[in-house]
Amino acid sequence: MNTFKAAATQLYETARKEGRLIEGRSLDELKEIALRQEGVIQTQIGSVAADSEPMSRSAPHTRNSVDHPFGEEEAQLATQMLELLKKETLISLDTFIGDGQDGVSARFLVPEQYAQIAYGLKLLFNHPPVVLEDPTYTIIYFTDEAFERNREKKLLEKDISVRLMLGEKRGDQVKICRNTIYLGEGKKGIFQFEDWRIKAIDKTGLFLHAGARHDFLWVYDQVAGRPEMTEIVTAAAGLTATGKTTTLCRKFTKIPRERSEMIGDDGGALGFDGSYAAFEMGGVYVKTEGLDASQPEILRAAESKEAFLENVALTKYPYMPNFADISKTGNGRAVVSRDNLEIASPSLRADRLNFIIILTRNPLVNVISRLTPEQATMQFIYGESIESSGGNPEEAGRFKREFFLDPFMAGDRLEHAMIFYDIVKRNKIQCYLANTGTIGIREEKVTLRQSLSTYNDLVRNQLRFSLEADHLGYHYPIKCDRANLDLMTAHRLFDDSALLEKRLRDFYRGRREYLEEFEGRYGRIPEPIREALPYHYKEFSAREALDIE
């Protein structure tokens, strides 16, 4: 029996019957309700601002029913939720997910005192007000007596429970969030449910932790012998704070008739036919740390009256956001409306992906490297990146491995990887690895300008890559137009060969340990994929060639 679904239905029906339910409200009405709550502020520019507790996702306290089968603890959580909310006035926010074409919907149930969550989620998934009979997904927030005590504790020590029932069919999916009022739990709950639905229930492909952009550019056609207007769709996959939104929200256009659009910035469905569909219709949930004039499109949207600011520092009255001040947290957030993002596409869909860029932060890695389908699959399996303040603030900045750069997926990881390989191979999607952190022995910052110039060169077909493998087995750039080639290849920026060897040995030791653990749990990876990227140190020779298509 799905105790979570039964409890969610009982909570909603009882509150409705007893007149404790606020539902079917517009964005403006939810804003009014939110501004009446303690601790919620209207800034001078008219936006809504509030702090959450905790100020990040509660990843260490989160479990799902597939990887961690539910038992008595989860049954007690559902019972506790019903008991503590039995007299509360609740906001019920019903909405469709994505553009609505897939028939997927969600209901968020939030105590009125936390109305800012409902406002932010309405802004994020914005569809006209609706009351649904049977939503696909349900997400519930509630707090108990431990909530206030948690404020003084580190994340790992907080008394928090976040549980996701994934189920076997549409409608089974329920997430209960105890003692967290972080908006990201609602957003990522939808993310994880979509992740599961697309792969395990509807079986239409995979959900990637990747946003996507749509560019229409003049690209030189070798056959025609002249520039042709070309449609290019690029996905960027990465953990929080590796540059997805920044990569996707900057224009590449320079010439008349060219245009750039952001389809979605965080996650989307990758279909078996190579298509892509984002899941947030109304807005984008952006990280505000370091947000300045170098990201003009996002900055303008974050400074609009329609934005919802979460954990963002404010000046004293008249309350203006100060994105440069991260003394409160490095995980300040803003939900910004797509209507205020000039680069936002009118559509959340693309018929076909041309490129997938995997984002990482590692000084051993080139600014960009070309990957074969086998290498791309293995790179996703290794999941090499860094922790961020959005996932675990105490570990922010440290190297980590996260399978498919997706902390929200559930189920058989090897099956997941093989589905990805099949889609990429079948649809001839070109894959690349990009380093958005530091590079070389001196760990020089890979600047935003360098990254964007590199991606611009890529989509305009102005990058050329080596046939030989570098020190990590990747095909490194040997020719470009806009980017600075001198600062693109990591091995050229290590002038101390002994130090490079030491770092590579440590790196490969981590790969071997991860590989052993992964295969012990999920089975052996097919040999051509497993051996596509090295996991043992050997001396780098620029003459050693790999056969690439």
Protein backbone atom coordinates (compact mmCIF):
# COMPACT_ATOMS: atom_id res chain seq x y z
CA MET A 1 0.00 0.00 0.00
CA ASN A 2 1.23 3.51 -0.85
CA THR A 3 0.91 5.15 2.57
CA PHE A 4 2.32 8.43 1.26
CA LYS A 5 -0.34 8.72 -1.46
CA ALA A 6 -3.12 7.81 0.98
CA ALA A 7 -1.86 10.39 3.49
CA ALA A 8 -1.56 13.10 0.82
CA THR A 9 -5.12 12.46 -0.39
CA GLN A 10 -6.46 12.48 3.19
CA LEU A 11 -4.63 15.73 4.00
CA TYR A 12 -6.04 17.51 0.96
CA GLU A 13 -9.61 16.20 1.23
CA THR A 14 -9.87 16.91 4.97
CA ALA A 15 -8.52 20.46 4.67
CA ARG A 16 -10.91 21.14 1.79
CA LYS A 17 -13.91 19.74 3.67
CA GLU A 18 -13.07 21.79 6.78
CA GLY A 19 -12.52 25.05 4.86
CA ARG A 20 -8.78 25.19 5.60
CA LEU A 21 -7.67 25.09 1.98
CA ILE A 22 -6.49 27.99 -0.16
CA GLU A 23 -6.43 26.80 -3.78
CA GLY A 24 -6.71 27.95 -7.37
CA ARG A 25 -4.96 31.26 -6.67
CA SER A 26 -3.14 33.42 -9.20
CA LEU A 27 0.49 34.51 -8.97
CA ASP A 28 -0.51 37.99 -7.74
CA GLU A 29 -2.81 36.53 -5.08
CA LEU A 30 -0.09 34.20 -3.80
CA LYS A 31 2.29 37.16 -3.66
CA GLU A 32 -0.18 39.07 -1.48
CA ILE A 33 -0.55 36.08 0.86
CA ALA A 34 3.22 35.59 1.06
CA LEU A 35 3.86 39.25 1.96
CA ARG A 36 1.52 38.93 4.95
CA GLN A 37 3.75 36.28 6.53
CA GLU A 38 6.41 36.91 9.17
CA GLY A 39 9.93 37.24 7.76
CA VAL A 40 8.79 37.84 4.18
CA ILE A 41 9.94 41.20 2.78
CA GLN A 42 8.99 43.24 -0.25
CA THR A 43 12.09 44.89 -1.67
CA GLN A 44 12.16 48.45 -2.95
CA ILE A 45 11.89 47.15 -6.50
CA GLY A 46 8.80 45.12 -5.60
CA SER A 47 10.24 41.59 -5.49
CA VAL A 48 9.57 39.14 -2.66
CA ALA A 49 12.46 38.11 -0.41
CA ALA A 50 12.66 35.50 2.35
CA ASP A 51 15.17 33.21 4.04
CA SER A 52 14.79 29.46 4.16
CA GLU A 53 15.78 26.93 6.81
CA PRO A 54 18.02 25.25 5.89
CA MET A 55 19.57 27.40 3.16
CA SER A 56 20.23 24.46 0.83
CA ARG A 57 18.81 21.12 -0.13
CA SER A 58 18.88 18.51 2.63
CA ALA A 59 20.72 15.91 0.58
CA PRO A 60 22.16 13.98 3.59
CA HIS A 61 18.63 13.55 4.98
CA THR A 62 16.94 12.47 1.73
CA ARG A 63 15.88 8.94 0.72
CA ASN A 64 13.75 7.51 -2.08
CA SER A 65 11.64 4.35 -2.08
CA VAL A 66 13.61 2.62 -4.86
CA ASP A 67 17.15 2.85 -3.49
CA HIS A 68 15.99 2.69 0.16
CA PRO A 69 12.74 0.66 0.46
CA PHE A 70 10.24 2.33 2.77
CA GLY A 71 9.20 0.83 6.10
CA GLU A 72 7.92 1.80 9.52
CA GLU A 73 9.94 5.05 9.67
CA GLU A 74 8.20 6.39 6.55
CA ALA A 75 4.77 5.24 7.80
CA GLN A 76 5.37 7.20 11.01
CA LEU A 77 6.46 10.24 8.99
CA ALA A 78 3.17 10.20 7.05
CA THR A 79 1.20 9.84 10.28
CA GLN A 80 3.15 12.70 11.92
CA MET A 81 2.52 14.92 8.90
CA LEU A 82 -1.25 14.35 9.11
CA GLU A 83 -1.30 15.00 12.85
CA LEU A 84 0.71 18.24 12.73
CA LEU A 85 -1.20 19.68 9.77
CA LYS A 86 -4.72 18.68 10.86
CA LYS A 87 -5.59 22.20 12.01
CA GLU A 88 -3.35 24.22 9.69
CA THR A 89 -4.59 26.39 6.85
CA LEU A 90 -2.93 24.98 3.75
CA ILE A 91 -2.12 26.46 0.37
CA SER A 92 -2.71 23.96 -2.42
CA LEU A 93 -0.88 24.91 -5.60
CA ASP A 94 -1.79 22.80 -8.63
CA THR A 95 0.15 23.19 -11.85
CA PHE A 96 1.14 21.40 -15.03
CA ILE A 97 4.76 20.38 -15.53
CA GLY A 98 6.65 21.56 -18.59
CA ASP A 99 4.40 22.83 -21.37
CA GLY A 100 1.62 20.44 -20.36
CA GLN A 101 1.80 18.34 -23.54
CA ASP A 102 2.84 15.20 -21.63
CA GLY A 103 -0.17 15.37 -19.30
CA VAL A 104 2.00 15.60 -16.17
CA SER A 105 0.86 17.73 -13.23
CA ALA A 106 1.80 18.47 -9.64
CA ARG A 107 0.24 19.60 -6.37
CA PHE A 108 2.23 21.43 -3.68
CA LEU A 109 0.71 21.50 -0.19
CA VAL A 110 2.27 24.20 2.00
CA PRO A 111 1.21 25.66 5.40
CA GLU A 112 0.03 29.25 4.95
CA GLN A 113 2.83 30.59 7.15
CA TYR A 114 5.28 29.44 4.43
CA ALA A 115 3.31 30.98 1.57
CA GLN A 116 6.51 32.31 0.01
CA ILE A 117 7.28 28.73 -1.08
CA ALA A 118 3.99 28.53 -2.96
CA TYR A 119 4.64 31.92 -4.57
CA GLY A 120 8.14 30.91 -5.71
CA LEU A 121 6.93 27.58 -7.09
CA LYS A 122 4.03 29.24 -8.89
CA LEU A 123 6.52 31.62 -10.51
CA LEU A 124 8.74 28.68 -11.50
CA PHE A 125 6.07 26.41 -13.03
CA ASN A 126 3.63 29.18 -13.94
CA HIS A 127 0.44 28.03 -15.67
CA PRO A 128 -3.03 29.63 -15.34
CA PRO A 129 -4.68 28.88 -11.95
CA VAL A 130 -6.18 25.40 -11.91
CA VAL A 131 -7.56 22.87 -9.43
CA LEU A 132 -6.77 19.31 -10.51
CA GLU A 133 -8.72 16.19 -9.67
CA ASP A 134 -5.76 13.80 -9.47
CA PRO A 135 -2.27 15.34 -9.90
CA THR A 136 0.60 13.15 -11.05
CA TYR A 137 2.96 14.34 -8.31
CA THR A 138 2.33 15.64 -4.77
CA ILE A 139 4.87 17.49 -2.61
CA ILE A 140 4.14 18.39 1.01
CA TYR A 141 6.02 20.68 3.41
CA PHE A 142 5.62 20.66 7.20
CA THR A 143 7.65 21.48 10.32
CA ASP A 144 7.67 20.28 13.94
CA GLU A 145 9.21 21.32 17.25
CA ALA A 146 12.76 20.57 16.07
CA PHE A 147 12.57 23.14 13.25
CA GLU A 148 13.67 26.20 15.25
CA ARG A 149 16.45 24.28 17.03
CA ASN A 150 17.83 23.25 13.65
CA ARG A 151 18.78 26.84 12.83
CA GLU A 152 21.83 26.64 15.09
CA LYS A 153 23.07 23.30 13.75
CA LYS A 154 25.15 22.24 10.78
CA LEU A 155 23.25 20.53 7.98
CA LEU A 156 24.37 17.01 8.90
CA GLU A 157 23.23 17.53 12.50
CA LYS A 158 19.78 18.94 11.69
CA ASP A 159 16.66 16.91 12.46
CA ILE A 160 15.22 16.74 8.94
CA SER A 161 13.44 14.03 6.94
CA VAL A 162 12.91 14.20 3.18
CA ARG A 163 11.33 11.13 1.58
CA LEU A 164 10.21 10.43 -1.98
CA MET A 165 7.78 7.67 -2.90
CA LEU A 166 8.51 6.94 -6.57
CA GLY A 167 5.98 4.17 -7.24
CA GLU A 168 5.17 2.06 -10.27
CA LYS A 169 2.69 4.22 -12.17
CA ARG A 170 1.82 7.87 -12.73
CA GLY A 171 0.15 9.36 -9.67
CA ASP A 172 2.05 7.30 -7.09
CA GLN A 173 4.71 9.96 -6.63
CA VAL A 174 4.65 11.81 -3.28
CA LYS A 175 7.43 13.75 -1.55
CA ILE A 176 7.21 14.70 2.13
CA CYS A 177 9.56 17.42 3.41
CA ARG A 178 9.81 17.63 7.20
CA ASN A 179 11.65 20.60 8.73
CA THR A 180 12.83 22.17 5.49
CA ILE A 181 11.24 25.21 3.88
CA TYR A 182 13.81 25.46 1.08
CA LEU A 183 12.06 26.09 -2.23
CA GLY A 184 14.62 23.90 -4.00
CA GLU A 185 13.09 20.82 -2.35
CA GLY A 186 9.89 21.45 -4.30
CA LYS A 187 11.70 22.09 -7.58
CA LYS A 188 14.03 19.11 -7.20
CA GLY A 189 11.13 16.92 -6.13
CA ILE A 190 9.59 17.49 -9.55
CA PHE A 191 13.03 16.94 -11.09
CA GLN A 192 13.40 13.55 -9.39
CA PHE A 193 9.87 12.45 -10.22
CA GLU A 194 10.42 13.35 -13.88
CA ASP A 195 13.74 11.50 -13.75
CA TRP A 196 11.92 8.36 -12.61
CA ARG A 197 8.79 8.71 -14.77
CA ILE A 198 10.60 9.12 -18.07
CA LYS A 199 12.96 6.18 -17.53
CA ALA A 200 10.95 3.68 -15.47
CA ILE A 201 7.25 4.42 -16.03
CA ASP A 202 6.72 5.99 -19.45
CA LYS A 203 10.02 4.55 -20.76
CA THR A 204 10.47 7.30 -23.34
CA GLY A 205 14.16 8.04 -22.73
CA LEU A 206 16.12 9.65 -19.91
CA PHE A 207 15.94 12.79 -17.82
CA LEU A 208 19.30 14.58 -17.82
CA HIS A 209 20.60 17.12 -15.31
CA ALA A 210 21.11 19.39 -18.31
CA GLY A 211 19.68 22.60 -19.64
CA ALA A 212 19.65 23.42 -23.35
CA ARG A 213 20.00 26.33 -25.75
CA HIS A 214 18.80 26.95 -29.30
CA ASP A 215 21.00 28.94 -31.69
CA PHE A 216 20.34 30.05 -35.25
CA LEU A 217 23.74 31.04 -36.67
CA TRP A 218 25.56 31.55 -39.93
CA VAL A 219 27.87 28.52 -40.17
CA TYR A 220 30.21 27.84 -43.06
CA ASP A 221 28.95 24.90 -45.12
CA GLN A 222 31.84 22.92 -46.63
CA VAL A 223 29.65 21.40 -49.34
CA ALA A 224 27.91 24.61 -50.40
CA GLY A 225 31.11 26.61 -50.02
CA ARG A 226 29.35 29.47 -48.24
CA PRO A 227 27.81 30.34 -44.83
CA GLU A 228 24.33 28.88 -44.31
CA MET A 229 21.79 29.72 -41.59
CA THR A 230 22.05 26.71 -39.28
CA GLU A 231 19.90 25.57 -36.35
CA ILE A 232 21.97 24.18 -33.46
CA VAL A 233 20.68 22.76 -30.17
CA THR A 234 23.21 22.34 -27.35
CA ALA A 235 22.65 20.77 -23.93
CA ALA A 236 24.89 21.60 -20.96
CA ALA A 237 25.00 19.03 -18.15
CA GLY A 238 26.51 19.65 -14.75
CA LEU A 239 26.08 19.86 -11.00
CA THR A 240 24.89 23.03 -9.31
CA ALA A 241 27.40 25.92 -9.53
CA THR A 242 29.35 24.55 -12.51
CA GLY A 243 27.98 27.14 -14.94
CA LYS A 244 24.91 25.63 -16.62
CA THR A 245 22.72 28.72 -16.39
CA THR A 246 25.55 31.09 -17.34
CA THR A 247 26.42 28.92 -20.35
CA LEU A 248 22.82 28.83 -21.52
CA CYS A 249 21.78 32.44 -20.92
CA ARG A 250 24.31 34.30 -23.05
CA LYS A 251 23.82 35.22 -26.70
CA PHE A 252 26.19 34.00 -29.40
CA THR A 253 24.62 36.25 -32.03
CA LYS A 254 26.85 38.75 -33.85
CA ILE A 255 25.46 38.94 -37.40
CA PRO A 256 22.01 39.98 -38.73
CA ARG A 257 19.30 37.29 -38.60
CA GLU A 258 21.19 35.28 -35.98
CA ARG A 259 19.45 34.56 -32.69
CA SER A 260 20.08 32.65 -29.45
CA GLU A 261 17.48 31.20 -27.10
CA MET A 262 17.58 29.40 -23.76
CA ILE A 263 15.19 26.41 -23.77
CA GLY A 264 15.70 25.41 -20.13
CA ASP A 265 18.51 25.81 -17.64
CA ASP A 266 18.47 22.83 -15.31
CA GLY A 267 16.98 19.55 -16.52
CA GLY A 268 15.11 18.00 -19.38
CA ALA A 269 13.90 14.84 -21.05
CA LEU A 270 16.23 13.30 -23.62
CA GLY A 271 14.01 11.19 -25.87
CA PHE A 272 15.02 8.05 -27.72
CA ASP A 273 14.75 10.13 -30.90
CA GLY A 274 17.30 12.64 -29.60
CA SER A 275 14.67 15.27 -28.73
CA TYR A 276 14.80 17.48 -25.65
CA ALA A 277 12.05 18.94 -23.43
CA ALA A 278 12.57 21.21 -20.39
CA PHE A 279 10.26 21.01 -17.37
CA GLU A 280 9.91 24.57 -15.96
CA MET A 281 7.40 26.69 -17.87
CA GLY A 282 7.35 29.85 -15.81
CA GLY A 283 10.82 30.68 -14.61
CA VAL A 284 14.41 29.78 -13.81
CA TYR A 285 15.86 29.08 -10.34
CA VAL A 286 19.25 30.78 -10.55
CA LYS A 287 22.17 30.95 -8.15
CA THR A 288 22.91 34.59 -7.28
CA GLU A 289 26.47 34.20 -5.92
CA GLY A 290 28.72 36.32 -8.14
CA LEU A 291 25.79 37.62 -10.18
CA ASP A 292 26.90 40.88 -11.77
CA ALA A 293 27.04 42.82 -15.03
CA SER A 294 29.03 40.00 -16.68
CA GLN A 295 25.71 38.10 -16.77
CA PRO A 296 23.41 40.91 -17.90
CA GLU A 297 20.39 38.82 -18.94
CA ILE A 298 20.14 37.02 -15.58
CA LEU A 299 20.94 40.17 -13.57
CA ARG A 300 18.13 42.16 -15.17
CA ALA A 301 15.65 39.38 -14.45
CA ALA A 302 16.82 38.97 -10.84
CA GLU A 303 16.40 42.71 -10.26
CA SER A 304 12.83 42.79 -11.57
CA LYS A 305 9.74 43.17 -9.38
CA GLU A 306 8.50 39.69 -10.36
CA ALA A 307 11.53 37.86 -8.89
CA PHE A 308 11.45 35.74 -5.75
CA LEU A 309 14.70 36.07 -3.76
CA GLU A 310 15.67 33.26 -1.40
CA ASN A 311 18.54 33.66 1.07
CA VAL A 312 19.78 36.77 -0.74
CA ALA A 313 21.42 39.53 1.32
CA LEU A 314 19.42 42.78 1.47
CA THR A 315 20.51 46.27 2.38
CA LYS A 316 18.84 47.97 5.31
CA TYR A 317 15.59 49.74 4.48
CA PRO A 318 14.57 50.31 1.69
CA TYR A 319 15.68 46.69 1.14
CA MET A 320 17.65 46.27 -2.05
CA PRO A 321 19.23 42.93 -3.03
CA ASN A 322 23.01 42.79 -2.70
CA PHE A 323 24.20 39.81 -4.73
CA ALA A 324 27.85 40.52 -3.92
CA ASP A 325 27.24 39.91 -0.20
CA ILE A 326 27.41 36.17 0.49
CA SER A 327 27.92 36.45 4.26
CA LYS A 328 24.51 34.84 4.80
CA THR A 329 25.19 31.92 2.44
CA GLY A 330 26.90 31.15 -0.84
CA ASN A 331 23.64 29.59 -1.97
CA GLY A 332 21.51 32.69 -2.53
CA ARG A 333 18.80 32.01 -5.11
CA ALA A 334 16.36 33.85 -7.31
CA VAL A 335 13.34 32.54 -9.17
CA VAL A 336 13.17 34.76 -12.24
CA SER A 337 10.37 34.83 -14.76
CA ARG A 338 11.08 33.62 -18.29
CA ASP A 339 9.12 36.69 -19.42
CA ASN A 340 11.95 38.81 -18.00
CA LEU A 341 14.67 36.78 -19.68
CA GLU A 342 15.05 38.15 -23.18
CA ILE A 343 16.95 35.02 -24.20
CA ALA A 344 14.23 32.58 -23.03
CA SER A 345 12.73 30.53 -25.83
CA PRO A 346 8.95 30.55 -26.32
CA SER A 347 9.12 26.75 -26.49
CA LEU A 348 10.47 24.24 -23.98
CA ARG A 349 11.16 21.68 -26.71
CA ALA A 350 13.70 20.89 -29.42
CA ASP A 351 13.31 18.17 -32.03
CA ARG A 352 16.93 17.09 -31.80
CA LEU A 353 20.07 17.73 -29.79
CA ASN A 354 23.25 18.37 -31.77
CA PHE A 355 25.70 18.69 -28.88
CA ILE A 356 25.95 17.69 -25.23
CA ILE A 357 28.57 19.55 -23.16
CA ILE A 358 29.45 17.91 -19.84
CA LEU A 359 30.62 20.53 -17.34
CA THR A 360 33.26 19.79 -14.73
CA ARG A 361 35.74 21.70 -12.57
CA ASN A 362 39.19 20.08 -12.51
CA PRO A 363 42.61 21.72 -13.19
CA LEU A 364 43.74 18.53 -14.97
CA VAL A 365 41.05 18.93 -17.64
CA ASN A 366 41.16 21.01 -20.84
CA VAL A 367 38.80 23.94 -21.34
CA ILE A 368 37.08 21.65 -23.84
CA SER A 369 37.71 18.09 -25.04
CA ARG A 370 35.98 16.02 -27.68
CA LEU A 371 34.48 12.71 -26.52
CA THR A 372 33.43 9.59 -28.38
CA PRO A 373 30.00 8.16 -27.38
CA GLU A 374 31.82 5.57 -25.27
CA GLN A 375 33.93 8.23 -23.55
CA ALA A 376 30.89 10.43 -22.92
CA THR A 377 29.05 7.52 -21.30
CA MET A 378 32.04 6.68 -19.13
CA GLN A 379 32.54 10.34 -18.22
CA PHE A 380 28.94 10.48 -17.01
CA ILE A 381 29.45 7.25 -15.04
CA TYR A 382 32.53 8.71 -13.31
CA GLY A 383 30.56 11.92 -12.64
CA GLU A 384 33.64 14.01 -11.81
CA SER A 385 32.79 17.46 -10.45
CA ILE A 386 32.76 19.52 -7.24
CA GLU A 387 30.34 19.87 -4.36
CA SER A 388 28.41 23.14 -4.16
CA SER A 389 26.73 25.18 -1.44
CA GLY A 390 23.41 24.15 -2.99
CA GLY A 391 24.01 20.47 -2.24
CA ASN A 392 26.10 20.34 0.96
CA PRO A 393 27.44 23.73 2.14
CA GLU A 394 29.98 22.13 4.50
CA GLU A 395 31.62 20.32 1.56
CA ALA A 396 31.37 23.13 -1.02
CA GLY A 397 34.32 23.31 -3.42
CA ARG A 398 35.61 19.79 -2.76
CA PHE A 399 36.06 17.23 -5.55
CA LYS A 400 33.22 14.72 -5.75
CA ARG A 401 31.87 11.99 -7.97
CA GLU A 402 28.17 12.03 -8.76
CA PHE A 403 26.85 9.48 -11.25
CA PHE A 404 25.60 11.31 -14.36
CA LEU A 405 26.10 14.56 -12.41
CA ASP A 406 22.60 13.84 -11.12
CA PRO A 407 22.08 13.45 -7.36
CA PHE A 408 18.36 12.87 -7.96
CA MET A 409 18.28 9.70 -10.04
CA ALA A 410 17.17 6.35 -8.67
CA GLY A 411 17.38 2.72 -9.72
CA ASP A 412 19.89 0.72 -11.76
CA ARG A 413 22.74 3.05 -12.71
CA LEU A 414 24.24 0.75 -15.34
CA GLU A 415 20.89 0.48 -17.12
CA HIS A 416 20.68 4.27 -17.02
CA ALA A 417 24.12 4.62 -18.61
CA MET A 418 23.34 2.14 -21.38
CA ILE A 419 20.14 3.98 -22.30
CA PHE A 420 22.17 7.18 -22.62
CA TYR A 421 24.79 5.44 -24.77
CA ASP A 422 22.09 4.05 -27.07
CA ILE A 423 20.47 7.48 -27.54
CA VAL A 424 23.74 9.30 -28.21
CA LYS A 425 25.06 6.63 -30.56
CA ARG A 426 21.79 6.21 -32.46
CA ASN A 427 21.20 9.94 -32.94
CA LYS A 428 24.87 10.83 -33.54
CA ILE A 429 24.85 13.47 -30.81
CA GLN A 430 28.33 14.96 -30.44
CA CYS A 431 29.61 15.09 -26.86
CA TYR A 432 32.23 17.29 -25.21
CA LEU A 433 33.76 17.77 -21.76
CA ALA A 434 34.24 21.38 -20.61
CA ASN A 435 36.18 22.65 -17.60
CA THR A 436 34.62 25.75 -16.03
CA GLY A 437 36.87 25.87 -12.96
CA THR A 438 40.65 26.32 -12.95
CA ILE A 439 43.29 24.85 -15.26
CA GLY A 440 46.95 23.89 -15.04
CA ILE A 441 49.57 23.76 -12.32
CA ARG A 442 48.87 27.35 -11.21
CA GLU A 443 45.11 26.70 -11.30
CA GLU A 444 44.38 29.74 -13.44
CA LYS A 445 40.69 30.59 -13.61
CA VAL A 446 38.89 29.56 -16.79
CA THR A 447 37.20 32.89 -17.41
CA LEU A 448 33.61 33.25 -18.50
CA ARG A 449 34.84 34.94 -21.65
CA GLN A 450 37.11 31.99 -22.48
CA SER A 451 34.28 29.48 -21.89
CA LEU A 452 31.72 31.37 -23.97
CA SER A 453 34.25 31.95 -26.78
CA THR A 454 34.96 28.23 -26.80
CA TYR A 455 31.29 27.25 -27.01
CA ASN A 456 30.76 29.86 -29.74
CA ASP A 457 33.62 28.33 -31.73
CA LEU A 458 32.11 24.89 -31.19
CA VAL A 459 28.63 25.66 -32.51
CA ARG A 460 30.11 27.57 -35.47
CA ASN A 461 32.25 24.54 -36.38
CA GLN A 462 35.48 26.48 -35.76
CA LEU A 463 37.11 24.09 -33.28
CA ARG A 464 39.49 21.33 -34.32
CA PHE A 465 40.63 18.51 -32.03
CA SER A 466 43.66 16.24 -31.89
CA LEU A 467 43.52 12.66 -33.09
CA GLU A 468 45.89 11.67 -30.29
CA ALA A 469 44.91 11.34 -26.66
CA ASP A 470 46.15 13.70 -23.96
CA HIS A 471 47.21 12.76 -20.42
CA LEU A 472 43.58 11.86 -19.52
CA GLY A 473 42.70 10.14 -22.76
CA TYR A 474 40.74 13.10 -24.18
CA HIS A 475 40.98 14.71 -27.63
CA TYR A 476 42.25 18.21 -26.95
CA PRO A 477 41.70 21.40 -29.01
CA ILE A 478 44.36 22.26 -31.57
CA LYS A 479 42.65 25.07 -33.47
CA CYS A 480 40.05 27.69 -32.60
CA ASP A 481 38.90 31.16 -33.64
CA ARG A 482 37.57 33.19 -30.69
CA ALA A 483 39.02 31.32 -27.71
CA ASN A 484 42.62 31.62 -26.45
CA LEU A 485 44.28 28.39 -27.59
CA ASP A 486 47.33 28.97 -25.36
CA LEU A 487 45.13 28.53 -22.27
CA MET A 488 42.93 25.67 -23.49
CA THR A 489 45.00 22.51 -23.01
CA ALA A 490 45.80 21.45 -19.46
CA HIS A 491 48.94 19.38 -20.13
CA ARG A 492 50.67 22.43 -21.68
CA LEU A 493 50.00 24.35 -18.44
CA PHE A 494 51.80 21.77 -16.26
CA ASP A 495 55.52 22.57 -16.49
CA ASP A 496 56.33 20.32 -13.51
CA SER A 497 56.07 16.76 -14.90
CA ALA A 498 56.66 15.15 -11.49
CA LEU A 499 53.74 17.05 -9.94
CA LEU A 500 51.52 16.22 -12.92
CA GLU A 501 52.38 12.52 -12.55
CA LYS A 502 51.54 12.61 -8.83
CA ARG A 503 48.20 14.27 -9.45
CA LEU A 504 47.36 11.86 -12.26
CA ARG A 505 48.20 8.83 -10.11
CA ASP A 506 45.94 10.13 -7.34
CA PHE A 507 43.20 10.88 -9.87
CA TYR A 508 43.37 7.42 -11.44
CA ARG A 509 43.39 5.76 -8.02
CA GLY A 510 40.07 7.48 -7.35
CA ARG A 511 38.71 6.26 -10.68
CA ARG A 512 39.72 2.66 -9.97
CA GLU A 513 38.15 2.69 -6.52
CA TYR A 514 34.93 4.18 -7.88
CA LEU A 515 34.86 1.71 -10.79
CA GLU A 516 35.32 -1.26 -8.46
CA GLU A 517 32.51 -0.09 -6.19
CA PHE A 518 30.20 0.71 -9.11
CA GLU A 519 30.64 -2.63 -10.85
CA GLY A 520 30.34 -4.49 -7.55
CA ARG A 521 26.89 -2.98 -7.13
CA TYR A 522 25.52 -2.76 -10.68
CA GLY A 523 27.51 -5.24 -12.79
CA ARG A 524 30.35 -4.99 -15.27
CA ILE A 525 30.32 -2.15 -17.78
CA PRO A 526 30.64 -3.34 -21.41
CA GLU A 527 34.33 -3.41 -22.35
CA PRO A 528 34.34 -0.79 -25.17
CA ILE A 529 32.77 1.73 -22.80
CA ARG A 530 34.74 0.71 -19.71
CA GLU A 531 38.09 1.05 -21.48
CA ALA A 532 37.20 4.27 -23.34
CA LEU A 533 38.74 6.38 -20.55
CA PRO A 534 41.93 5.36 -18.72
CA TYR A 535 41.97 4.45 -15.03
CA HIS A 536 45.68 3.57 -14.74
CA TYR A 537 48.57 5.99 -15.05
CA LYS A 538 50.88 5.75 -18.04
CA GLU A 539 53.30 8.24 -19.46
CA PHE A 540 51.65 10.72 -21.79
CA SER A 541 52.76 10.64 -25.41
CA ALA A 542 51.33 13.13 -27.88
CA ARG A 543 51.85 10.60 -30.68
CA GLU A 544 49.50 8.01 -29.24
CA ALA A 545 46.34 8.10 -31.37
CA LEU A 546 42.75 7.16 -30.70
CA ASP A 547 40.41 6.16 -33.48
CA ILE A 548 37.55 8.66 -33.49
CA GLU A 549 34.71 9.25 -35.89
